Amino acid sequence: MESLNALLQGMGLMHLGAGQAIMLLVSLLLLWL
């Protein structure tokens, strides 16, 4: 979980587009669960 949070924060700081892409990936993971 800590690694995921680090990735979310890092990508979010890099670009908003990247942050949105990660949000989509997270939503897909939640759907699988």
C-alpha atoms as a PDB file:
ATOM      1  CA  MET A   1       0.000   0.000   0.000  1.00  0.00           C
ATOM      2  CA  GLU A   2       2.828   2.399   0.836  1.00  0.00           C
ATOM      3  CA  SER A   3       4.383   1.806  -2.581  1.00  0.00           C
ATOM      4  CA  LEU A   4       1.033   2.536  -4.256  1.00  0.00           C
ATOM      5  CA  ASN A   5       0.672   5.790  -2.337  1.00  0.00           C
ATOM      6  CA  ALA A   6       4.215   6.791  -3.330  1.00  0.00           C
ATOM      7  CA  LEU A   7       3.413   6.094  -6.983  1.00  0.00           C
ATOM      8  CA  LEU A   8       0.162   8.058  -6.801  1.00  0.00           C
ATOM      9  CA  GLN A   9       1.881  11.067  -5.250  1.00  0.00           C
ATOM     10  CA  GLY A  10       4.900  10.902  -7.593  1.00  0.00           C
ATOM     11  CA  MET A  11       2.848  10.599 -10.776  1.00  0.00           C
ATOM     12  CA  GLY A  12       0.379  13.232  -9.552  1.00  0.00           C
ATOM     13  CA  LEU A  13       3.237  15.700  -9.101  1.00  0.00           C
ATOM     14  CA  MET A  14       4.626  14.845 -12.541  1.00  0.00           C
ATOM     15  CA  HIS A  15       1.494  15.388 -14.634  1.00  0.00           C
ATOM     16  CA  LEU A  16      -2.252  15.621 -14.108  1.00  0.00           C
ATOM     17  CA  GLY A  17      -2.751  13.296 -17.082  1.00  0.00           C
ATOM     18  CA  ALA A  18      -0.618  10.642 -15.410  1.00  0.00           C
ATOM     19  CA  GLY A  19      -2.615  11.064 -12.204  1.00  0.00           C
ATOM     20  CA  GLN A  20      -5.867  10.547 -14.085  1.00  0.00           C
ATOM     21  CA  ALA A  21      -4.435   7.431 -15.737  1.00  0.00           C
ATOM     22  CA  ILE A  22      -3.506   6.031 -12.316  1.00  0.00           C
ATOM     23  CA  MET A  23      -6.994   6.784 -11.011  1.00  0.00           C
ATOM     24  CA  LEU A  24      -8.400   4.737 -13.904  1.00  0.00           C
ATOM     25  CA  LEU A  25      -6.056   1.852 -13.085  1.00  0.00           C
ATOM     26  CA  VAL A  26      -7.055   1.997  -9.412  1.00  0.00           C
ATOM     27  CA  SER A  27     -10.750   1.976 -10.325  1.00  0.00           C
ATOM     28  CA  LEU A  28     -10.174  -1.097 -12.499  1.00  0.00           C
ATOM     29  CA  LEU A  29      -8.407  -2.855  -9.615  1.00  0.00           C
ATOM     30  CA  LEU A  30     -11.348  -2.021  -7.333  1.00  0.00           C
ATOM     31  CA  LEU A  31     -13.735  -3.497  -9.906  1.00  0.00           C
ATOM     32  CA  TRP A  32     -11.735  -6.730  -9.900  1.00  0.00           C
ATOM     33  CA  LEU A  33     -12.013  -6.864  -6.107  1.00  0.00           C
END
